Amino acid sequence: MGDGLLNLGPKSRLWLAELGIHTGAQLRQRDAFVVYADLKRRQPGASLNLLYALLGAQQDCHWQQVKREQRSDILLRLDDMGLAPKR
């Protein structure tokens, strides 16, 4: 789509737009974990894959690569934030 929001579909883009984020450049100016926390408050059903997608968009790589290579660090940060997924 040329807006730098790789990995993010229409629903995710709509949610981001509600936070004032319309481009990859705007997303890269924010902490993806804080954006994810804001989105989770608004959309409780948002999955962990959304965070992988946000980080992938910031890093210009596929969300599955983020999940594969950074999952442990991501889960630790989410745990510190009180947002770790329930098992």
N, C-alpha and C. Protein backbone atom coordinates (compact mmCIF):
# COMPACT_ATOMS: atom_id res chain seq x y z
N MET A 1 0.80 -1.20 0.00
CA MET A 1 0.00 0.00 0.00
C MET A 1 0.85 1.26 0.00
N GLY A 2 2.16 1.09 0.21
CA GLY A 2 3.03 2.23 0.11
C GLY A 2 3.03 3.17 1.30
N ASP A 3 2.37 2.79 2.40
CA ASP A 3 2.32 3.68 3.56
C ASP A 3 3.27 3.23 4.67
N GLY A 4 4.02 2.16 4.41
CA GLY A 4 4.97 1.68 5.39
C GLY A 4 4.37 0.86 6.51
N LEU A 5 3.12 0.44 6.36
CA LEU A 5 2.46 -0.36 7.39
C LEU A 5 2.39 -1.82 6.97
N LEU A 6 3.56 -2.36 6.64
CA LEU A 6 3.71 -3.77 6.28
C LEU A 6 3.08 -4.64 7.35
N ASN A 7 2.45 -5.73 6.95
CA ASN A 7 1.86 -6.74 7.85
C ASN A 7 0.47 -6.38 8.37
N LEU A 8 0.04 -5.14 8.24
CA LEU A 8 -1.18 -4.70 8.90
C LEU A 8 -2.35 -4.64 7.93
N GLY A 9 -3.41 -5.34 8.26
CA GLY A 9 -4.59 -5.39 7.42
C GLY A 9 -5.53 -4.23 7.70
N PRO A 10 -6.67 -4.23 7.01
CA PRO A 10 -7.63 -3.11 7.13
C PRO A 10 -8.11 -2.84 8.55
N LYS A 11 -8.41 -3.88 9.30
CA LYS A 11 -8.91 -3.68 10.67
C LYS A 11 -7.83 -3.06 11.55
N SER A 12 -6.62 -3.58 11.46
CA SER A 12 -5.51 -3.04 12.25
C SER A 12 -5.21 -1.60 11.87
N ARG A 13 -5.28 -1.31 10.57
CA ARG A 13 -5.03 0.06 10.10
C ARG A 13 -6.11 1.01 10.63
N LEU A 14 -7.33 0.54 10.69
CA LEU A 14 -8.41 1.36 11.24
C LEU A 14 -8.16 1.65 12.72
N TRP A 15 -7.77 0.63 13.45
CA TRP A 15 -7.47 0.81 14.87
C TRP A 15 -6.33 1.79 15.06
N LEU A 16 -5.29 1.68 14.23
CA LEU A 16 -4.15 2.60 14.32
C LEU A 16 -4.59 4.03 13.99
N ALA A 17 -5.44 4.15 12.98
CA ALA A 17 -5.92 5.48 12.60
C ALA A 17 -6.65 6.15 13.76
N GLU A 18 -7.35 5.36 14.56
CA GLU A 18 -8.04 5.91 15.73
C GLU A 18 -7.05 6.46 16.76
N LEU A 19 -5.79 6.02 16.68
CA LEU A 19 -4.74 6.53 17.55
C LEU A 19 -3.92 7.62 16.85
N GLY A 20 -4.34 7.98 15.64
CA GLY A 20 -3.63 9.01 14.88
C GLY A 20 -2.42 8.51 14.13
N ILE A 21 -2.34 7.20 13.93
CA ILE A 21 -1.22 6.59 13.22
C ILE A 21 -1.71 6.14 11.84
N HIS A 22 -1.17 6.76 10.80
CA HIS A 22 -1.60 6.48 9.44
C HIS A 22 -0.47 5.99 8.54
N THR A 23 0.76 6.12 9.00
CA THR A 23 1.92 5.74 8.18
C THR A 23 2.94 4.99 9.02
N GLY A 24 3.83 4.30 8.33
CA GLY A 24 4.91 3.62 9.02
C GLY A 24 5.80 4.60 9.77
N ALA A 25 6.02 5.77 9.19
CA ALA A 25 6.85 6.79 9.85
C ALA A 25 6.22 7.20 11.18
N GLN A 26 4.92 7.38 11.21
CA GLN A 26 4.24 7.74 12.46
C GLN A 26 4.35 6.60 13.48
N LEU A 27 4.23 5.37 12.99
CA LEU A 27 4.33 4.21 13.88
C LEU A 27 5.75 4.09 14.45
N ARG A 28 6.76 4.34 13.62
CA ARG A 28 8.15 4.24 14.09
C ARG A 28 8.49 5.30 15.14
N GLN A 29 7.72 6.35 15.22
CA GLN A 29 7.95 7.39 16.23
C GLN A 29 7.41 6.98 17.60
N ARG A 30 6.68 5.89 17.64
CA ARG A 30 6.04 5.44 18.89
C ARG A 30 6.65 4.11 19.33
N ASP A 31 6.52 3.82 20.59
CA ASP A 31 6.92 2.52 21.13
C ASP A 31 5.82 1.52 20.77
N ALA A 32 6.16 0.50 20.02
CA ALA A 32 5.16 -0.48 19.57
C ALA A 32 4.44 -1.14 20.74
N PHE A 33 5.13 -1.31 21.85
CA PHE A 33 4.49 -1.93 23.02
C PHE A 33 3.43 -1.01 23.63
N VAL A 34 3.69 0.29 23.63
CA VAL A 34 2.72 1.25 24.14
C VAL A 34 1.52 1.32 23.19
N VAL A 35 1.80 1.31 21.89
CA VAL A 35 0.72 1.31 20.90
C VAL A 35 -0.14 0.06 21.09
N TYR A 36 0.51 -1.09 21.25
CA TYR A 36 -0.21 -2.34 21.46
C TYR A 36 -1.07 -2.27 22.73
N ALA A 37 -0.51 -1.73 23.81
CA ALA A 37 -1.27 -1.59 25.06
C ALA A 37 -2.49 -0.71 24.84
N ASP A 38 -2.32 0.40 24.12
CA ASP A 38 -3.46 1.29 23.82
C ASP A 38 -4.51 0.55 23.00
N LEU A 39 -4.06 -0.21 22.01
CA LEU A 39 -5.00 -0.96 21.18
C LEU A 39 -5.71 -2.05 21.97
N LYS A 40 -4.99 -2.72 22.86
CA LYS A 40 -5.61 -3.78 23.69
C LYS A 40 -6.70 -3.20 24.60
N ARG A 41 -6.48 -1.98 25.09
CA ARG A 41 -7.51 -1.35 25.92
C ARG A 41 -8.76 -1.08 25.11
N ARG A 42 -8.58 -0.68 23.87
CA ARG A 42 -9.71 -0.35 23.00
C ARG A 42 -10.33 -1.60 22.37
N GLN A 43 -9.47 -2.57 22.07
CA GLN A 43 -9.89 -3.79 21.37
C GLN A 43 -9.36 -5.00 22.16
N PRO A 44 -10.03 -5.39 23.22
CA PRO A 44 -9.51 -6.46 24.08
C PRO A 44 -9.22 -7.77 23.35
N GLY A 45 -9.86 -7.99 22.21
CA GLY A 45 -9.63 -9.22 21.46
C GLY A 45 -8.40 -9.19 20.58
N ALA A 46 -7.69 -8.07 20.56
CA ALA A 46 -6.48 -7.96 19.72
C ALA A 46 -5.47 -9.00 20.19
N SER A 47 -4.90 -9.73 19.26
CA SER A 47 -4.00 -10.83 19.61
C SER A 47 -2.54 -10.38 19.66
N LEU A 48 -1.72 -11.26 20.18
CA LEU A 48 -0.29 -11.03 20.23
C LEU A 48 0.28 -10.87 18.82
N ASN A 49 -0.36 -11.48 17.84
CA ASN A 49 0.10 -11.33 16.46
C ASN A 49 0.08 -9.87 16.02
N LEU A 50 -0.82 -9.08 16.60
CA LEU A 50 -0.86 -7.66 16.28
C LEU A 50 0.44 -6.98 16.72
N LEU A 51 0.94 -7.33 17.89
CA LEU A 51 2.20 -6.75 18.35
C LEU A 51 3.34 -7.17 17.42
N TYR A 52 3.36 -8.45 17.04
CA TYR A 52 4.39 -8.90 16.10
C TYR A 52 4.30 -8.10 14.80
N ALA A 53 3.09 -7.84 14.34
CA ALA A 53 2.89 -7.07 13.11
C ALA A 53 3.35 -5.63 13.27
N LEU A 54 3.05 -5.02 14.42
CA LEU A 54 3.50 -3.65 14.67
C LEU A 54 5.02 -3.57 14.66
N LEU A 55 5.66 -4.50 15.35
CA LEU A 55 7.12 -4.52 15.38
C LEU A 55 7.70 -4.80 13.99
N GLY A 56 7.06 -5.70 13.26
CA GLY A 56 7.50 -5.98 11.90
C GLY A 56 7.39 -4.75 11.01
N ALA A 57 6.31 -4.00 11.16
CA ALA A 57 6.15 -2.78 10.37
C ALA A 57 7.23 -1.77 10.73
N GLN A 58 7.57 -1.68 12.00
CA GLN A 58 8.62 -0.76 12.41
C GLN A 58 9.99 -1.20 11.90
N GLN A 59 10.21 -2.50 11.83
CA GLN A 59 11.50 -3.04 11.45
C GLN A 59 11.57 -3.40 9.96
N ASP A 60 10.47 -3.20 9.25
CA ASP A 60 10.37 -3.52 7.82
C ASP A 60 10.68 -4.98 7.55
N CYS A 61 10.03 -5.85 8.32
CA CYS A 61 10.18 -7.29 8.11
C CYS A 61 8.84 -7.97 8.39
N HIS A 62 8.73 -9.21 8.00
CA HIS A 62 7.49 -9.96 8.17
C HIS A 62 7.25 -10.26 9.65
N TRP A 63 6.00 -10.21 10.05
CA TRP A 63 5.66 -10.42 11.46
C TRP A 63 6.10 -11.79 11.96
N GLN A 64 6.11 -12.80 11.08
CA GLN A 64 6.51 -14.14 11.52
C GLN A 64 8.00 -14.19 11.85
N GLN A 65 8.80 -13.37 11.19
CA GLN A 65 10.21 -13.28 11.51
C GLN A 65 10.39 -12.67 12.90
N VAL A 66 9.61 -11.65 13.19
CA VAL A 66 9.64 -11.03 14.53
C VAL A 66 9.27 -12.08 15.57
N LYS A 67 8.20 -12.80 15.33
CA LYS A 67 7.76 -13.82 16.27
C LYS A 67 8.84 -14.88 16.49
N ARG A 68 9.43 -15.33 15.42
CA ARG A 68 10.43 -16.39 15.49
C ARG A 68 11.70 -15.92 16.22
N GLU A 69 12.14 -14.70 15.94
CA GLU A 69 13.43 -14.24 16.44
C GLU A 69 13.36 -13.45 17.74
N GLN A 70 12.20 -12.89 18.08
CA GLN A 70 12.14 -11.99 19.23
C GLN A 70 11.09 -12.37 20.27
N ARG A 71 10.44 -13.51 20.08
CA ARG A 71 9.31 -13.89 20.91
C ARG A 71 9.61 -13.85 22.41
N SER A 72 10.73 -14.42 22.82
CA SER A 72 11.05 -14.46 24.25
C SER A 72 11.20 -13.06 24.83
N ASP A 73 11.94 -12.20 24.15
CA ASP A 73 12.12 -10.82 24.63
C ASP A 73 10.80 -10.07 24.67
N ILE A 74 9.97 -10.31 23.67
CA ILE A 74 8.66 -9.65 23.61
C ILE A 74 7.78 -10.09 24.79
N LEU A 75 7.76 -11.39 25.05
CA LEU A 75 6.94 -11.90 26.15
C LEU A 75 7.44 -11.38 27.51
N LEU A 76 8.75 -11.25 27.66
CA LEU A 76 9.29 -10.70 28.91
C LEU A 76 8.87 -9.25 29.08
N ARG A 77 8.93 -8.47 28.02
CA ARG A 77 8.53 -7.06 28.12
C ARG A 77 7.03 -6.96 28.43
N LEU A 78 6.23 -7.79 27.76
CA LEU A 78 4.79 -7.78 28.04
C LEU A 78 4.51 -8.16 29.49
N ASP A 79 5.28 -9.11 30.01
CA ASP A 79 5.11 -9.51 31.40
C ASP A 79 5.43 -8.33 32.33
N ASP A 80 6.49 -7.60 32.03
CA ASP A 80 6.84 -6.42 32.82
C ASP A 80 5.73 -5.37 32.77
N MET A 81 5.01 -5.31 31.66
CA MET A 81 3.94 -4.33 31.49
C MET A 81 2.60 -4.82 32.03
N GLY A 82 2.56 -6.09 32.48
CA GLY A 82 1.32 -6.67 32.95
C GLY A 82 0.39 -7.07 31.83
N LEU A 83 0.97 -7.29 30.63
CA LEU A 83 0.17 -7.63 29.45
C LEU A 83 0.49 -9.00 28.89
N ALA A 84 1.21 -9.81 29.64
CA ALA A 84 1.57 -11.14 29.13
C ALA A 84 0.31 -11.93 28.83
N PRO A 85 0.32 -12.66 27.70
CA PRO A 85 -0.87 -13.46 27.37
C PRO A 85 -1.10 -14.53 28.42
N LYS A 86 -2.35 -14.80 28.66
CA LYS A 86 -2.73 -15.84 29.61
C LYS A 86 -2.54 -17.21 28.98
N ARG A 87 -2.10 -18.16 29.75
CA ARG A 87 -1.87 -19.51 29.21
C ARG A 87 -3.06 -20.37 29.42
